PDB file of all heavy atoms in Angstrom:
ATOM      1  N   VAL A   1       3.796  -2.353 -12.098  1.00  0.00           N
ATOM      2  CA  VAL A   1       2.945  -2.871 -11.036  1.00  0.00           C
ATOM      3  C   VAL A   1       1.613  -2.141 -11.122  1.00  0.00           C
ATOM      4  O   VAL A   1       1.565  -0.948 -11.396  1.00  0.00           O
ATOM      5  CB  VAL A   1       3.544  -2.664  -9.625  1.00  0.00           C
ATOM      6  CG1 VAL A   1       4.721  -3.587  -9.407  1.00  0.00           C
ATOM      7  CG2 VAL A   1       3.957  -1.211  -9.405  1.00  0.00           C
ATOM      8  N   HIS A   2       0.526  -2.866 -10.939  1.00  0.00           N
ATOM      9  CA  HIS A   2      -0.785  -2.236 -10.878  1.00  0.00           C
ATOM     10  C   HIS A   2      -1.070  -1.845  -9.444  1.00  0.00           C
ATOM     11  O   HIS A   2      -0.530  -2.436  -8.525  1.00  0.00           O
ATOM     12  CB  HIS A   2      -1.865  -3.206 -11.362  1.00  0.00           C
ATOM     13  CG  HIS A   2      -1.592  -3.760 -12.717  1.00  0.00           C
ATOM     14  ND1 HIS A   2      -1.044  -5.000 -12.912  1.00  0.00           N
ATOM     15  CD2 HIS A   2      -1.779  -3.223 -13.948  1.00  0.00           C
ATOM     16  CE1 HIS A   2      -0.909  -5.223 -14.213  1.00  0.00           C
ATOM     17  NE2 HIS A   2      -1.342  -4.157 -14.855  1.00  0.00           N
ATOM     18  N   CYS A   3      -1.920  -0.852  -9.242  1.00  0.00           N
ATOM     19  CA  CYS A   3      -2.272  -0.460  -7.886  1.00  0.00           C
ATOM     20  C   CYS A   3      -3.364   0.604  -7.931  1.00  0.00           C
ATOM     21  O   CYS A   3      -3.573   1.254  -8.950  1.00  0.00           O
ATOM     22  CB  CYS A   3      -1.080   0.135  -7.116  1.00  0.00           C
ATOM     23  SG  CYS A   3       0.338  -0.979  -6.971  1.00  0.00           S
ATOM     24  N   SER A   4      -4.045   0.774  -6.803  1.00  0.00           N
ATOM     25  CA  SER A   4      -4.897   1.938  -6.536  1.00  0.00           C
ATOM     26  C   SER A   4      -4.406   2.535  -5.228  1.00  0.00           C
ATOM     27  O   SER A   4      -3.946   1.812  -4.336  1.00  0.00           O
ATOM     28  CB  SER A   4      -6.362   1.530  -6.381  1.00  0.00           C
ATOM     29  OG  SER A   4      -6.843   0.819  -7.498  1.00  0.00           O
ATOM     30  N   GLN A   5      -4.493   3.862  -5.085  1.00  0.00           N
ATOM     31  CA  GLN A   5      -4.091   4.465  -3.827  1.00  0.00           C
ATOM     32  C   GLN A   5      -4.871   5.756  -3.604  1.00  0.00           C
ATOM     33  O   GLN A   5      -5.370   6.378  -4.547  1.00  0.00           O
ATOM     34  CB  GLN A   5      -2.589   4.732  -3.774  1.00  0.00           C
ATOM     35  CG  GLN A   5      -2.056   5.634  -4.865  1.00  0.00           C
ATOM     36  CD  GLN A   5      -0.549   5.537  -5.000  1.00  0.00           C
ATOM     37  OE1 GLN A   5       0.066   4.524  -4.661  1.00  0.00           O
ATOM     38  NE2 GLN A   5       0.070   6.575  -5.515  1.00  0.00           N
ATOM     39  N   ALA A   6      -4.999   6.151  -2.344  1.00  0.00           N
ATOM     40  CA  ALA A   6      -5.791   7.329  -2.002  1.00  0.00           C
ATOM     41  C   ALA A   6      -5.328   7.893  -0.668  1.00  0.00           C
ATOM     42  O   ALA A   6      -4.693   7.201   0.136  1.00  0.00           O
ATOM     43  CB  ALA A   6      -7.279   6.976  -1.941  1.00  0.00           C
ATOM     44  N   VAL A   7      -5.665   9.159  -0.426  1.00  0.00           N
ATOM     45  CA  VAL A   7      -5.390   9.842   0.840  1.00  0.00           C
ATOM     46  C   VAL A   7      -6.692  10.425   1.362  1.00  0.00           C
ATOM     47  O   VAL A   7      -7.419  11.100   0.628  1.00  0.00           O
ATOM     48  CB  VAL A   7      -4.355  10.968   0.666  1.00  0.00           C
ATOM     49  CG1 VAL A   7      -4.154  11.708   1.989  1.00  0.00           C
ATOM     50  CG2 VAL A   7      -3.034  10.429   0.160  1.00  0.00           C
ATOM     51  N   LEU A   8      -6.982  10.165   2.631  1.00  0.00           N
ATOM     52  CA  LEU A   8      -8.151  10.744   3.292  1.00  0.00           C
ATOM     53  C   LEU A   8      -7.718  11.195   4.681  1.00  0.00           C
ATOM     54  O   LEU A   8      -7.023  10.462   5.391  1.00  0.00           O
ATOM     55  CB  LEU A   8      -9.281   9.715   3.394  1.00  0.00           C
ATOM     56  CG  LEU A   8     -10.586  10.208   4.022  1.00  0.00           C
ATOM     57  CD1 LEU A   8     -11.213  11.313   3.170  1.00  0.00           C
ATOM     58  CD2 LEU A   8     -11.569   9.057   4.199  1.00  0.00           C
ATOM     59  N   THR A   9      -8.138  12.392   5.061  1.00  0.00           N
ATOM     60  CA  THR A   9      -7.735  12.969   6.340  1.00  0.00           C
ATOM     61  C   THR A   9      -8.892  12.965   7.331  1.00  0.00           C
ATOM     62  O   THR A   9     -10.030  13.277   6.972  1.00  0.00           O
ATOM     63  CB  THR A   9      -7.236  14.409   6.137  1.00  0.00           C
ATOM     64  OG1 THR A   9      -6.124  14.398   5.236  1.00  0.00           O
ATOM     65  CG2 THR A   9      -6.792  15.031   7.443  1.00  0.00           C
ATOM     66  N   ASP A  10      -8.588  12.590   8.571  1.00  0.00           N
ATOM     67  CA  ASP A  10      -9.558  12.684   9.657  1.00  0.00           C
ATOM     68  C   ASP A  10      -8.869  13.300  10.868  1.00  0.00           C
ATOM     69  O   ASP A  10      -7.809  13.934  10.725  1.00  0.00           O
ATOM     70  CB  ASP A  10     -10.183  11.316   9.965  1.00  0.00           C
ATOM     71  CG  ASP A  10      -9.146  10.278  10.399  1.00  0.00           C
ATOM     72  OD1 ASP A  10      -7.991  10.653  10.696  1.00  0.00           O
ATOM     73  OD2 ASP A  10      -9.489   9.080  10.446  1.00  0.00           O
ATOM     74  N   ASP A  11      -9.448  13.121  12.060  1.00  0.00           N
ATOM     75  CA  ASP A  11      -8.869  13.770  13.232  1.00  0.00           C
ATOM     76  C   ASP A  11      -7.527  13.176  13.647  1.00  0.00           C
ATOM     77  O   ASP A  11      -6.843  13.708  14.527  1.00  0.00           O
ATOM     78  CB  ASP A  11      -9.846  13.741  14.408  1.00  0.00           C
ATOM     79  CG  ASP A  11     -10.283  12.333  14.791  1.00  0.00           C
ATOM     80  OD1 ASP A  11      -9.786  11.360  14.170  1.00  0.00           O
ATOM     81  OD2 ASP A  11     -11.125  12.201  15.696  1.00  0.00           O
ATOM     82  N   GLN A  12      -7.124  12.063  13.020  1.00  0.00           N
ATOM     83  CA  GLN A  12      -5.809  11.480  13.270  1.00  0.00           C
ATOM     84  C   GLN A  12      -4.791  11.871  12.198  1.00  0.00           C
ATOM     85  O   GLN A  12      -3.694  11.330  12.151  1.00  0.00           O
ATOM     86  CB  GLN A  12      -5.919   9.959  13.335  1.00  0.00           C
ATOM     87  CG  GLN A  12      -6.811   9.445  14.440  1.00  0.00           C
ATOM     88  CD  GLN A  12      -6.915   7.927  14.421  1.00  0.00           C
ATOM     89  OE1 GLN A  12      -5.902   7.219  14.456  1.00  0.00           O
ATOM     90  NE2 GLN A  12      -8.126   7.410  14.366  1.00  0.00           N
ATOM     91  N   GLY A  13      -5.177  12.805  11.333  1.00  0.00           N
ATOM     92  CA  GLY A  13      -4.299  13.197  10.242  1.00  0.00           C
ATOM     93  C   GLY A  13      -4.574  12.370   9.004  1.00  0.00           C
ATOM     94  O   GLY A  13      -5.585  11.670   8.913  1.00  0.00           O
ATOM     95  N   PRO A  14      -3.693  12.431   8.024  1.00  0.00           N
ATOM     96  CA  PRO A  14      -3.943  11.712   6.770  1.00  0.00           C
ATOM     97  C   PRO A  14      -3.746  10.208   6.898  1.00  0.00           C
ATOM     98  O   PRO A  14      -2.921   9.732   7.678  1.00  0.00           O
ATOM     99  CB  PRO A  14      -2.908  12.308   5.807  1.00  0.00           C
ATOM    100  CG  PRO A  14      -1.807  12.800   6.692  1.00  0.00           C
ATOM    101  CD  PRO A  14      -2.461  13.232   7.972  1.00  0.00           C
ATOM    102  N   LEU A  15      -4.543   9.490   6.145  1.00  0.00           N
ATOM    103  CA  LEU A  15      -4.362   8.049   5.929  1.00  0.00           C
ATOM    104  C   LEU A  15      -3.984   7.866   4.466  1.00  0.00           C
ATOM    105  O   LEU A  15      -4.731   8.294   3.572  1.00  0.00           O
ATOM    106  CB  LEU A  15      -5.651   7.293   6.220  1.00  0.00           C
ATOM    107  CG  LEU A  15      -5.625   5.795   5.830  1.00  0.00           C
ATOM    108  CD1 LEU A  15      -4.933   4.985   6.917  1.00  0.00           C
ATOM    109  CD2 LEU A  15      -7.041   5.261   5.589  1.00  0.00           C
ATOM    110  N   LEU A  16      -2.823   7.278   4.203  1.00  0.00           N
ATOM    111  CA  LEU A  16      -2.431   6.894   2.843  1.00  0.00           C
ATOM    112  C   LEU A  16      -2.667   5.400   2.716  1.00  0.00           C
ATOM    113  O   LEU A  16      -2.070   4.605   3.451  1.00  0.00           O
ATOM    114  CB  LEU A  16      -0.963   7.220   2.581  1.00  0.00           C
ATOM    115  CG  LEU A  16      -0.359   6.698   1.267  1.00  0.00           C
ATOM    116  CD1 LEU A  16      -1.129   7.213   0.065  1.00  0.00           C
ATOM    117  CD2 LEU A  16       1.117   7.067   1.159  1.00  0.00           C
ATOM    118  N   ILE A  17      -3.542   5.017   1.793  1.00  0.00           N
ATOM    119  CA  ILE A  17      -3.888   3.614   1.633  1.00  0.00           C
ATOM    120  C   ILE A  17      -3.666   3.197   0.196  1.00  0.00           C
ATOM    121  O   ILE A  17      -3.900   3.985  -0.732  1.00  0.00           O
ATOM    122  CB  ILE A  17      -5.350   3.349   2.069  1.00  0.00           C
ATOM    123  CG1 ILE A  17      -5.661   1.849   2.042  1.00  0.00           C
ATOM    124  CG2 ILE A  17      -6.353   4.169   1.260  1.00  0.00           C
ATOM    125  CD1 ILE A  17      -6.973   1.481   2.724  1.00  0.00           C
ATOM    126  N   ARG A  18      -3.202   1.972   0.011  1.00  0.00           N
ATOM    127  CA  ARG A  18      -2.974   1.493  -1.357  1.00  0.00           C
ATOM    128  C   ARG A  18      -3.194  -0.008  -1.452  1.00  0.00           C
ATOM    129  O   ARG A  18      -2.976  -0.762  -0.482  1.00  0.00           O
ATOM    130  CB  ARG A  18      -1.560   1.828  -1.805  1.00  0.00           C
ATOM    131  CG  ARG A  18      -0.415   1.179  -1.054  1.00  0.00           C
ATOM    132  CD  ARG A  18      -0.057  -0.205  -1.562  1.00  0.00           C
ATOM    133  NE  ARG A  18       0.176  -0.223  -2.964  1.00  0.00           N
ATOM    134  CZ  ARG A  18       1.370   0.070  -3.512  1.00  0.00           C
ATOM    135  NH1 ARG A  18       2.393   0.303  -2.731  1.00  0.00           N
ATOM    136  NH2 ARG A  18       1.520   0.059  -4.816  1.00  0.00           N
ATOM    137  N   ASN A  19      -3.631  -0.447  -2.628  1.00  0.00           N
ATOM    138  CA  ASN A  19      -3.668  -1.865  -2.989  1.00  0.00           C
ATOM    139  C   ASN A  19      -2.490  -2.169  -3.889  1.00  0.00           C
ATOM    140  O   ASN A  19      -2.209  -1.417  -4.829  1.00  0.00           O
ATOM    141  CB  ASN A  19      -4.957  -2.217  -3.734  1.00  0.00           C
ATOM    142  CG  ASN A  19      -6.127  -2.442  -2.813  1.00  0.00           C
ATOM    143  OD1 ASN A  19      -5.975  -2.440  -1.598  1.00  0.00           O
ATOM    144  ND2 ASN A  19      -7.310  -2.629  -3.375  1.00  0.00           N
ATOM    145  N   TYR A  20      -1.833  -3.288  -3.636  1.00  0.00           N
ATOM    146  CA  TYR A  20      -0.775  -3.779  -4.515  1.00  0.00           C
ATOM    147  C   TYR A  20      -1.366  -4.930  -5.311  1.00  0.00           C
ATOM    148  O   TYR A  20      -1.716  -5.971  -4.752  1.00  0.00           O
ATOM    149  CB  TYR A  20       0.426  -4.250  -3.690  1.00  0.00           C
ATOM    150  CG  TYR A  20       1.620  -4.647  -4.526  1.00  0.00           C
ATOM    151  CD1 TYR A  20       2.748  -3.830  -4.591  1.00  0.00           C
ATOM    152  CD2 TYR A  20       1.635  -5.839  -5.238  1.00  0.00           C
ATOM    153  CE1 TYR A  20       3.845  -4.203  -5.346  1.00  0.00           C
ATOM    154  CE2 TYR A  20       2.732  -6.214  -6.002  1.00  0.00           C
ATOM    155  CZ  TYR A  20       3.833  -5.391  -6.048  1.00  0.00           C
ATOM    156  OH  TYR A  20       4.908  -5.760  -6.807  1.00  0.00           O
ATOM    157  N   ASP A  21      -1.492  -4.734  -6.616  1.00  0.00           N
ATOM    158  CA  ASP A  21      -2.154  -5.711  -7.487  1.00  0.00           C
ATOM    159  C   ASP A  21      -1.173  -6.291  -8.491  1.00  0.00           C
ATOM    160  O   ASP A  21      -0.601  -5.561  -9.306  1.00  0.00           O
ATOM    161  CB  ASP A  21      -3.305  -5.053  -8.263  1.00  0.00           C
ATOM    162  CG  ASP A  21      -4.403  -4.536  -7.352  1.00  0.00           C
ATOM    163  OD1 ASP A  21      -4.495  -5.017  -6.208  1.00  0.00           O
ATOM    164  OD2 ASP A  21      -5.165  -3.652  -7.783  1.00  0.00           O
ATOM    165  N   LEU A  22      -0.996  -7.605  -8.446  1.00  0.00           N
ATOM    166  CA  LEU A  22      -0.121  -8.303  -9.375  1.00  0.00           C
ATOM    167  C   LEU A  22      -0.300  -9.801  -9.143  1.00  0.00           C
ATOM    168  O   LEU A  22      -1.164 -10.221  -8.379  1.00  0.00           O
ATOM    169  CB  LEU A  22       1.343  -7.883  -9.161  1.00  0.00           C
ATOM    170  CG  LEU A  22       2.303  -8.044 -10.353  1.00  0.00           C
ATOM    171  CD1 LEU A  22       1.875  -7.193 -11.532  1.00  0.00           C
ATOM    172  CD2 LEU A  22       3.723  -7.681  -9.958  1.00  0.00           C
ATOM    173  N   ASP A  23       0.509 -10.596  -9.785  1.00  0.00           N
ATOM    174  CA  ASP A  23       0.542 -12.037  -9.554  1.00  0.00           C
ATOM    175  C   ASP A  23       1.264 -12.300  -8.231  1.00  0.00           C
ATOM    176  O   ASP A  23       2.375 -11.795  -8.024  1.00  0.00           O
ATOM    177  CB  ASP A  23       1.291 -12.691 -10.722  1.00  0.00           C
ATOM    178  CG  ASP A  23       1.313 -14.209 -10.660  1.00  0.00           C
ATOM    179  OD1 ASP A  23       1.178 -14.773  -9.562  1.00  0.00           O
ATOM    180  OD2 ASP A  23       1.483 -14.821 -11.729  1.00  0.00           O
ATOM    181  N   PRO A  24       0.679 -13.067  -7.305  1.00  0.00           N
ATOM    182  CA  PRO A  24       1.374 -13.321  -6.040  1.00  0.00           C
ATOM    183  C   PRO A  24       2.775 -13.892  -6.207  1.00  0.00           C
ATOM    184  O   PRO A  24       3.647 -13.651  -5.359  1.00  0.00           O
ATOM    185  CB  PRO A  24       0.446 -14.319  -5.327  1.00  0.00           C
ATOM    186  CG  PRO A  24      -0.913 -14.020  -5.875  1.00  0.00           C
ATOM    187  CD  PRO A  24      -0.684 -13.655  -7.316  1.00  0.00           C
ATOM    188  N   LYS A  25       3.023 -14.642  -7.284  1.00  0.00           N
ATOM    189  CA  LYS A  25       4.354 -15.217  -7.488  1.00  0.00           C
ATOM    190  C   LYS A  25       5.415 -14.148  -7.663  1.00  0.00           C
ATOM    191  O   LYS A  25       6.609 -14.425  -7.543  1.00  0.00           O
ATOM    192  CB  LYS A  25       4.348 -16.147  -8.707  1.00  0.00           C
ATOM    193  CG  LYS A  25       3.513 -17.400  -8.550  1.00  0.00           C
ATOM    194  CD  LYS A  25       3.749 -18.386  -9.682  1.00  0.00           C
ATOM    195  CE  LYS A  25       3.317 -17.855 -11.039  1.00  0.00           C
ATOM    196  NZ  LYS A  25       1.850 -17.706 -11.124  1.00  0.00           N
ATOM    197  N   LEU A  26       4.988 -12.915  -7.954  1.00  0.00           N
ATOM    198  CA  LEU A  26       5.949 -11.855  -8.254  1.00  0.00           C
ATOM    199  C   LEU A  26       6.108 -10.868  -7.114  1.00  0.00           C
ATOM    200  O   LEU A  26       6.667  -9.791  -7.306  1.00  0.00           O
ATOM    201  CB  LEU A  26       5.513 -11.111  -9.530  1.00  0.00           C
ATOM    202  CG  LEU A  26       5.216 -12.005 -10.739  1.00  0.00           C
ATOM    203  CD1 LEU A  26       4.865 -11.160 -11.949  1.00  0.00           C
ATOM    204  CD2 LEU A  26       6.406 -12.901 -11.051  1.00  0.00           C
ATOM    205  N   ASN A  27       5.654 -11.220  -5.935  1.00  0.00           N
ATOM    206  CA  ASN A  27       5.772 -10.319  -4.794  1.00  0.00           C
ATOM    207  C   ASN A  27       6.714 -10.902  -3.750  1.00  0.00           C
ATOM    208  O   ASN A  27       6.655 -12.090  -3.450  1.00  0.00           O
ATOM    209  CB  ASN A  27       4.392 -10.056  -4.182  1.00  0.00           C
ATOM    210  CG  ASN A  27       4.462  -9.027  -3.067  1.00  0.00           C
ATOM    211  OD1 ASN A  27       4.423  -9.364  -1.896  1.00  0.00           O
ATOM    212  ND2 ASN A  27       4.583  -7.766  -3.441  1.00  0.00           N
ATOM    213  N   GLU A  28       7.544 -10.055  -3.190  1.00  0.00           N
ATOM    214  CA  GLU A  28       8.536 -10.525  -2.220  1.00  0.00           C
ATOM    215  C   GLU A  28       7.979 -10.669  -0.806  1.00  0.00           C
ATOM    216  O   GLU A  28       8.673 -11.183   0.070  1.00  0.00           O
ATOM    217  CB  GLU A  28       9.751  -9.592  -2.245  1.00  0.00           C
ATOM    218  CG  GLU A  28      10.608  -9.842  -3.467  1.00  0.00           C
ATOM    219  CD  GLU A  28      11.421  -8.632  -3.898  1.00  0.00           C
ATOM    220  OE1 GLU A  28      10.844  -7.716  -4.531  1.00  0.00           O
ATOM    221  OE2 GLU A  28      12.632  -8.597  -3.607  1.00  0.00           O
ATOM    222  N   SER A  29       6.773 -10.216  -0.558  1.00  0.00           N
ATOM    223  CA  SER A  29       6.017 -10.438   0.681  1.00  0.00           C
ATOM    224  C   SER A  29       6.860 -10.202   1.934  1.00  0.00           C
ATOM    225  O   SER A  29       6.813 -10.966   2.883  1.00  0.00           O
ATOM    226  CB  SER A  29       5.428 -11.859   0.696  1.00  0.00           C
ATOM    227  OG  SER A  29       6.409 -12.860   0.583  1.00  0.00           O
ATOM    228  N   THR A  30       7.612  -9.092   1.914  1.00  0.00           N
ATOM    229  CA  THR A  30       8.501  -8.775   3.027  1.00  0.00           C
ATOM    230  C   THR A  30       8.337  -7.326   3.450  1.00  0.00           C
ATOM    231  O   THR A  30       8.456  -6.411   2.632  1.00  0.00           O
ATOM    232  CB  THR A  30       9.973  -9.012   2.632  1.00  0.00           C
ATOM    233  OG1 THR A  30      10.148 -10.383   2.276  1.00  0.00           O
ATOM    234  CG2 THR A  30      10.907  -8.676   3.780  1.00  0.00           C
ATOM    235  N   LEU A  31       8.063  -7.123   4.727  1.00  0.00           N
ATOM    236  CA  LEU A  31       8.091  -5.798   5.337  1.00  0.00           C
ATOM    237  C   LEU A  31       9.463  -5.639   5.982  1.00  0.00           C
ATOM    238  O   LEU A  31       9.832  -6.412   6.863  1.00  0.00           O
ATOM    239  CB  LEU A  31       6.989  -5.667   6.385  1.00  0.00           C
ATOM    240  CG  LEU A  31       7.061  -4.440   7.301  1.00  0.00           C
ATOM    241  CD1 LEU A  31       6.951  -3.160   6.503  1.00  0.00           C
ATOM    242  CD2 LEU A  31       5.974  -4.507   8.362  1.00  0.00           C
ATOM    243  N   LEU A  32      10.202  -4.639   5.525  1.00  0.00           N
ATOM    244  CA  LEU A  32      11.570  -4.445   6.000  1.00  0.00           C
ATOM    245  C   LEU A  32      11.694  -3.096   6.689  1.00  0.00           C
ATOM    246  O   LEU A  32      11.359  -2.056   6.118  1.00  0.00           O
ATOM    247  CB  LEU A  32      12.547  -4.523   4.825  1.00  0.00           C
ATOM    248  CG  LEU A  32      14.034  -4.333   5.146  1.00  0.00           C
ATOM    249  CD1 LEU A  32      14.523  -5.400   6.112  1.00  0.00           C
ATOM    250  CD2 LEU A  32      14.856  -4.349   3.857  1.00  0.00           C
ATOM    251  N   SER A  33      12.175  -3.117   7.934  1.00  0.00           N
ATOM    252  CA  SER A  33      12.426  -1.895   8.701  1.00  0.00           C
ATOM    253  C   SER A  33      13.932  -1.719   8.853  1.00  0.00           C
ATOM    254  O   SER A  33      14.626  -2.630   9.307  1.00  0.00           O
ATOM    255  CB  SER A  33      11.761  -1.998  10.078  1.00  0.00           C
ATOM    256  OG  SER A  33      12.131  -0.893  10.890  1.00  0.00           O
ATOM    257  N   THR A  34      14.444  -0.551   8.458  1.00  0.00           N
ATOM    258  CA  THR A  34      15.887  -0.328   8.443  1.00  0.00           C
ATOM    259  C   THR A  34      16.234   1.026   9.049  1.00  0.00           C
ATOM    260  O   THR A  34      15.409   1.933   9.144  1.00  0.00           O
ATOM    261  CB  THR A  34      16.428  -0.358   6.999  1.00  0.00           C
ATOM    262  OG1 THR A  34      15.817   0.702   6.244  1.00  0.00           O
ATOM    263  CG2 THR A  34      16.138  -1.692   6.333  1.00  0.00           C
TER     264      THR A  34
END
């Protein structure tokens, strides 16, 4: 999988941010909480 990601900290603590780069047909497009 291709991606870019970074961490930047401010007064709310760290932010972890990332891009998920690929063909949309290959993504399951599901946020799962367990």
